């Protein structure tokens, strides 16, 4: 079994991924801003802003996974917040790349997260990894995020990038927020609700990283389920999956733009992504359909 170092291991995806890798017998280490003596995983300190890191974290490391990054939808997008969203991603990559070069370490695979926001607002168009970036802040942030990984790739280290969609789990992320109106027997969609959301069950999300490690996948992959869903369809499915009656109502686009400003793109943009490249590598989704995913998570 391998030693795997994770940046962002205590985040939403990171904690589920860490547990899964541990189940499979791997030694999992975390990079953290603070000491975590109570953590079930050996933790080493790093400071992305100051570009400092504990070199001991890299001892006998075979795989590195970087999931680090400030939350896209945690706060309104001021200029300062947008800069933090980008720098938290690119600077963490720089620190890891510089350390690998300084220590003359070449892991078997370097895995990095990205997002389908790379493609921007594309309406009905089915996006594959061959398509270029869209426009707007989401696209620009992902473009810089992925470009920062070149500093690892240029050292001859194999690289795998997962462009993640909306990761579904009832206690975290977008789904957690979408479930709140159900407490009042309503379910809300955004704008006209016709925009496509590329989503993935948390278990499948975790397995995309596990599969990449076990099969030494390199390149860029859309880590999304095979069947993207329209926002209104997703909103309508929540009540039945939860076993609650719910009136499905819209949140007007103009109100969202006023309330959220530029961040409204996170809910109003349509990004319909293909999972064909990942499936062609032999990856099998446990939850390819939205109804099955929601039934598992909410039933």
Protein backbone atom coordinates (compact mmCIF):
# COMPACT_ATOMS: atom_id res chain seq x y z
CA UNK A 1 0.00 0.00 0.00
CA UNK A 2 1.08 3.56 -0.69
CA UNK A 3 1.78 6.68 1.32
CA UNK A 4 -0.52 9.47 0.14
CA UNK A 5 -0.18 13.13 1.09
CA UNK A 6 -3.29 15.31 0.87
CA UNK A 7 -3.57 19.09 0.92
CA UNK A 8 -7.13 20.00 1.90
CA UNK A 9 -7.67 16.64 3.55
CA UNK A 10 -10.02 18.05 6.19
CA UNK A 11 -12.33 19.67 3.63
CA UNK A 12 -15.60 18.28 2.29
CA UNK A 13 -14.14 15.97 -0.35
CA UNK A 14 -10.85 15.49 1.47
CA UNK A 15 -12.31 13.93 4.62
CA UNK A 16 -14.36 11.38 2.65
CA UNK A 17 -11.41 10.61 0.38
CA UNK A 18 -9.05 10.19 3.34
CA UNK A 19 -11.35 7.67 4.99
CA UNK A 20 -11.75 5.71 1.76
CA UNK A 21 -8.01 5.55 1.14
CA UNK A 22 -7.47 4.45 4.74
CA UNK A 23 -10.08 1.68 4.26
CA UNK A 24 -8.08 0.44 1.29
CA UNK A 25 -4.95 0.18 3.43
CA UNK A 26 -3.07 3.30 2.36
CA UNK A 27 -1.12 5.51 4.76
CA UNK A 28 -2.80 8.93 4.53
CA UNK A 29 -1.10 12.14 5.63
CA UNK A 30 -2.59 15.61 5.81
CA UNK A 31 -1.14 19.05 5.29
CA UNK A 32 -2.70 21.59 7.64
CA UNK A 33 -2.21 25.17 8.79
CA UNK A 34 -2.30 23.99 12.41
CA UNK A 35 -1.20 20.95 14.41
CA UNK A 36 -3.98 18.39 14.80
CA UNK A 37 -2.91 15.95 17.52
CA UNK A 38 -6.44 14.51 17.68
CA UNK A 39 -6.59 13.78 13.94
CA UNK A 40 -6.83 10.14 12.83
CA UNK A 41 -4.31 11.04 10.13
CA UNK A 42 -0.71 12.11 10.62
CA UNK A 43 -0.67 15.85 10.08
CA UNK A 44 2.15 18.13 8.94
CA UNK A 45 2.06 21.91 8.99
CA UNK A 46 2.24 24.19 5.99
CA UNK A 47 1.52 27.86 5.46
CA UNK A 48 0.53 28.58 1.88
CA UNK A 49 0.66 32.35 2.29
CA UNK A 50 4.18 32.28 3.77
CA UNK A 51 5.21 29.41 1.46
CA UNK A 52 6.54 27.25 4.29
CA UNK A 53 6.09 23.50 4.75
CA UNK A 54 7.32 20.62 6.91
CA UNK A 55 9.60 18.61 4.65
CA UNK A 56 8.98 15.50 6.75
CA UNK A 57 5.53 15.24 5.13
CA UNK A 58 7.17 14.07 1.90
CA UNK A 59 9.08 11.11 3.37
CA UNK A 60 8.37 8.03 1.19
CA UNK A 61 5.35 9.72 -0.44
CA UNK A 62 4.06 7.94 -3.55
CA UNK A 63 1.04 10.12 -4.36
CA UNK A 64 0.11 13.75 -3.71
CA UNK A 65 -3.45 15.05 -3.88
CA UNK A 66 -4.11 18.79 -3.71
CA UNK A 67 -7.70 19.77 -2.92
CA UNK A 68 -6.83 23.09 -1.32
CA UNK A 69 -8.86 26.22 -2.04
CA UNK A 70 -11.09 28.85 -0.45
CA UNK A 71 -14.80 28.13 -0.89
CA UNK A 72 -16.26 29.46 -4.13
CA UNK A 73 -19.69 30.28 -2.66
CA UNK A 74 -18.79 30.94 0.97
CA UNK A 75 -18.72 34.74 0.68
CA UNK A 76 -19.74 37.47 -1.76
CA UNK A 77 -17.21 38.00 -4.54
CA UNK A 78 -15.41 41.19 -3.63
CA UNK A 79 -12.13 41.84 -5.44
CA UNK A 80 -10.31 40.69 -2.30
CA UNK A 81 -12.35 37.48 -2.08
CA UNK A 82 -11.80 36.66 -5.75
CA UNK A 83 -8.07 37.08 -5.34
CA UNK A 84 -8.13 34.73 -2.33
CA UNK A 85 -10.10 32.11 -4.28
CA UNK A 86 -7.41 32.09 -6.95
CA UNK A 87 -4.31 32.50 -4.77
CA UNK A 88 -5.34 29.79 -2.28
CA UNK A 89 -5.33 27.36 -5.21
CA UNK A 90 -2.35 28.53 -7.24
CA UNK A 91 -0.10 29.32 -4.26
CA UNK A 92 -0.69 25.90 -2.69
CA UNK A 93 0.30 24.29 -5.98
CA UNK A 94 3.40 26.48 -6.17
CA UNK A 95 4.46 25.49 -2.67
CA UNK A 96 4.09 21.79 -3.44
CA UNK A 97 5.85 22.10 -6.81
CA UNK A 98 8.75 24.09 -5.34
CA UNK A 99 9.13 21.60 -2.50
CA UNK A 100 9.16 18.59 -4.82
CA UNK A 101 11.84 20.27 -6.89
CA UNK A 102 13.92 21.29 -3.87
CA UNK A 103 13.77 17.84 -2.30
CA UNK A 104 14.28 16.04 -5.64
CA UNK A 105 11.13 13.97 -5.09
CA UNK A 106 9.14 12.47 -7.93
CA UNK A 107 5.86 10.89 -6.80
CA UNK A 108 4.15 8.29 -8.97
CA UNK A 109 1.23 10.67 -9.58
CA UNK A 110 0.19 14.18 -8.62
CA UNK A 111 -3.59 14.67 -8.48
CA UNK A 112 -5.21 18.08 -8.50
CA UNK A 113 -8.78 19.24 -8.23
CA UNK A 114 -10.38 21.73 -10.61
CA UNK A 115 -14.03 22.42 -11.47
CA UNK A 116 -16.44 22.36 -14.38
CA UNK A 117 -16.68 26.11 -13.89
CA UNK A 118 -13.72 26.02 -16.29
CA UNK A 119 -16.20 25.84 -19.17
CA UNK A 120 -18.35 28.79 -18.06
CA UNK A 121 -21.97 29.27 -19.08
CA UNK A 122 -22.51 27.01 -22.11
CA UNK A 123 -26.27 26.51 -22.26
CA UNK A 124 -27.28 23.25 -23.94
CA UNK A 125 -23.82 22.43 -25.33
CA UNK A 126 -22.26 19.18 -24.11
CA UNK A 127 -18.76 19.97 -22.91
CA UNK A 128 -15.85 17.55 -23.18
CA UNK A 129 -12.30 17.92 -21.94
CA UNK A 130 -11.32 18.97 -25.48
CA UNK A 131 -13.26 22.22 -25.16
CA UNK A 132 -11.47 25.35 -24.06
CA UNK A 133 -12.34 27.64 -21.15
CA UNK A 134 -15.34 29.93 -21.11
CA UNK A 135 -15.48 33.52 -19.91
CA UNK A 136 -16.09 35.05 -16.50
CA UNK A 137 -14.51 34.65 -13.09
CA UNK A 138 -15.27 30.94 -12.64
CA UNK A 139 -13.52 30.13 -15.89
CA UNK A 140 -10.60 32.42 -15.17
CA UNK A 141 -10.05 31.00 -11.68
CA UNK A 142 -10.08 27.42 -13.00
CA UNK A 143 -7.77 28.34 -15.87
CA UNK A 144 -5.20 29.78 -13.47
CA UNK A 145 -5.69 26.85 -11.09
CA UNK A 146 -4.93 24.29 -13.79
CA UNK A 147 -2.09 26.32 -15.28
CA UNK A 148 -0.34 26.36 -11.90
CA UNK A 149 0.00 22.56 -12.10
CA UNK A 150 2.40 22.99 -15.03
CA UNK A 151 5.11 23.61 -12.43
CA UNK A 152 4.65 19.99 -11.32
CA UNK A 153 4.22 18.55 -14.80
CA UNK A 154 7.37 20.30 -16.02
CA UNK A 155 9.39 18.23 -13.53
CA UNK A 156 8.37 15.06 -15.37
CA UNK A 157 5.83 14.09 -12.70
CA UNK A 158 2.63 12.48 -14.04
CA UNK A 159 -0.42 14.68 -13.38
CA UNK A 160 -4.14 13.98 -13.18
CA UNK A 161 -6.70 16.81 -12.92
CA UNK A 162 -10.32 16.21 -11.92
CA UNK A 163 -12.80 18.89 -13.02
CA UNK A 164 -15.49 18.35 -10.42
CA UNK A 165 -19.16 19.15 -10.75
CA UNK A 166 -21.66 19.73 -7.92
CA UNK A 167 -20.72 17.11 -5.34
CA UNK A 168 -23.86 15.76 -3.69
CA UNK A 169 -24.00 15.10 0.05
CA UNK A 170 -26.80 16.16 2.40
CA UNK A 171 -24.47 17.58 5.05
CA UNK A 172 -22.15 19.62 2.84
CA UNK A 173 -21.95 21.75 -0.26
CA UNK A 174 -24.74 22.80 -2.59
CA UNK A 175 -27.18 20.01 -1.71
CA UNK A 176 -27.13 20.94 1.97
CA UNK A 177 -28.25 24.47 1.05
CA UNK A 178 -30.83 23.24 -1.46
CA UNK A 179 -32.47 21.12 1.24
CA UNK A 180 -33.10 24.02 3.62
CA UNK A 181 -36.35 25.20 1.95
CA UNK A 182 -37.80 21.69 2.43
CA UNK A 183 -38.17 22.57 6.09
CA UNK A 184 -40.93 24.94 4.88
CA UNK A 185 -42.32 22.41 2.35
CA UNK A 186 -40.94 24.22 -0.67
CA UNK A 187 -38.10 23.49 -3.09
CA UNK A 188 -36.49 26.31 -5.01
CA UNK A 189 -34.98 26.47 -8.47
CA UNK A 190 -33.02 29.43 -9.80
CA UNK A 191 -34.11 31.69 -12.64
CA UNK A 192 -36.06 29.64 -15.19
CA UNK A 193 -34.47 26.43 -13.89
CA UNK A 194 -33.48 25.28 -17.40
CA UNK A 195 -29.74 25.50 -16.73
CA UNK A 196 -27.86 22.22 -16.58
CA UNK A 197 -26.02 21.20 -13.42
CA UNK A 198 -23.24 18.64 -13.79
CA UNK A 199 -23.36 16.72 -10.51
CA UNK A 200 -21.74 13.70 -8.87
CA UNK A 201 -22.49 11.61 -5.75
CA UNK A 202 -19.82 12.01 -3.04
CA UNK A 203 -18.99 8.29 -3.20
CA UNK A 204 -18.37 8.44 -6.95
CA UNK A 205 -16.37 11.65 -6.48
CA UNK A 206 -14.07 9.91 -4.03
CA UNK A 207 -13.74 6.89 -6.30
CA UNK A 208 -12.56 9.02 -9.24
CA UNK A 209 -9.43 9.84 -7.24
CA UNK A 210 -9.03 6.26 -6.01
CA UNK A 211 -9.43 4.94 -9.55
CA UNK A 212 -6.89 7.44 -10.90
CA UNK A 213 -4.36 6.24 -8.36
CA UNK A 214 -5.01 2.55 -8.96
CA UNK A 215 -4.92 2.92 -12.75
CA UNK A 216 -2.32 5.68 -13.01
CA UNK A 217 -4.60 8.01 -14.97
CA UNK A 218 -3.01 11.13 -16.39
CA UNK A 219 -4.56 14.13 -18.08
CA UNK A 220 -7.77 16.02 -17.36
CA UNK A 221 -11.15 14.42 -16.64
CA UNK A 222 -14.66 15.68 -16.04
CA UNK A 223 -15.52 14.17 -12.65
CA UNK A 224 -19.28 14.28 -13.19
CA UNK A 225 -22.09 11.73 -13.41
CA UNK A 226 -23.14 10.64 -16.93
CA UNK A 227 -26.51 12.42 -16.80
CA UNK A 228 -26.44 16.14 -15.96
CA UNK A 229 -29.76 17.46 -14.66
CA UNK A 230 -31.59 20.70 -15.18
CA UNK A 231 -31.84 22.82 -12.06
CA UNK A 232 -35.65 22.63 -12.01
CA UNK A 233 -35.53 18.84 -12.35
CA UNK A 234 -33.15 18.61 -9.43
CA UNK A 235 -35.31 20.89 -7.28
CA UNK A 236 -38.43 18.84 -8.10
CA UNK A 237 -36.67 15.60 -7.15
CA UNK A 238 -35.64 16.68 -3.66
CA UNK A 239 -39.07 16.46 -2.00
CA UNK A 240 -39.85 12.91 -3.20
CA UNK A 241 -36.35 11.71 -2.34
CA UNK A 242 -36.68 13.15 1.15
CA UNK A 243 -40.23 11.86 1.53
CA UNK A 244 -41.63 15.35 1.97
CA UNK A 245 -44.31 17.20 0.03
CA UNK A 246 -42.84 20.33 -1.50
CA UNK A 247 -44.08 23.15 -3.69
CA UNK A 248 -41.48 23.77 -6.40
CA UNK A 249 -41.08 27.52 -6.90
CA UNK A 250 -38.56 29.79 -8.66
CA UNK A 251 -36.11 32.26 -7.21
CA UNK A 252 -36.13 35.02 -9.86
CA UNK A 253 -32.83 35.61 -11.64
CA UNK A 254 -32.97 39.38 -11.09
CA UNK A 255 -33.34 38.87 -7.33
CA UNK A 256 -30.38 36.48 -7.27
CA UNK A 257 -28.24 38.94 -9.19
CA UNK A 258 -29.11 41.68 -6.71
CA UNK A 259 -28.53 39.47 -3.67
CA UNK A 260 -25.43 37.64 -4.85
CA UNK A 261 -23.92 39.97 -7.42
CA UNK A 262 -21.38 38.29 -9.68
CA UNK A 263 -21.57 35.15 -7.53
CA UNK A 264 -25.03 34.48 -8.99
CA UNK A 265 -23.17 32.78 -11.86
CA UNK A 266 -22.63 29.80 -9.54
CA UNK A 267 -26.37 28.98 -9.68
CA UNK A 268 -27.53 30.59 -12.94
CA UNK A 269 -24.87 29.30 -15.35
CA UNK A 270 -25.52 26.17 -17.39
CA UNK A 271 -22.65 23.69 -17.67
CA UNK A 272 -23.54 20.34 -19.21
CA UNK A 273 -20.48 18.10 -19.09
CA UNK A 274 -19.67 14.69 -20.55
CA UNK A 275 -18.20 11.88 -18.44
CA UNK A 276 -17.33 9.80 -21.53
CA UNK A 277 -13.56 10.20 -21.21
CA UNK A 278 -13.53 8.89 -17.64
CA UNK A 279 -15.87 6.04 -18.56
CA UNK A 280 -13.64 5.15 -21.50
CA UNK A 281 -10.87 4.52 -18.96
CA UNK A 282 -13.09 1.86 -17.38
CA UNK A 283 -14.55 3.88 -14.52
CA UNK A 284 -18.00 2.66 -13.44
CA UNK A 285 -20.36 5.04 -11.69
CA UNK A 286 -22.24 3.63 -8.72
CA UNK A 287 -24.81 6.41 -9.08
CA UNK A 288 -25.16 7.44 -12.75
CA UNK A 289 -28.75 8.75 -12.37
CA UNK A 290 -29.88 11.64 -10.19
CA UNK A 291 -32.88 9.78 -8.75
CA UNK A 292 -30.71 6.92 -7.51
CA UNK A 293 -28.12 9.30 -6.05
CA UNK A 294 -30.74 11.30 -4.16
CA UNK A 295 -32.48 8.15 -2.94
CA UNK A 296 -29.20 6.90 -1.50
CA UNK A 297 -28.32 10.24 0.10
CA UNK A 298 -31.75 11.28 1.36
CA UNK A 299 -33.88 8.13 1.57
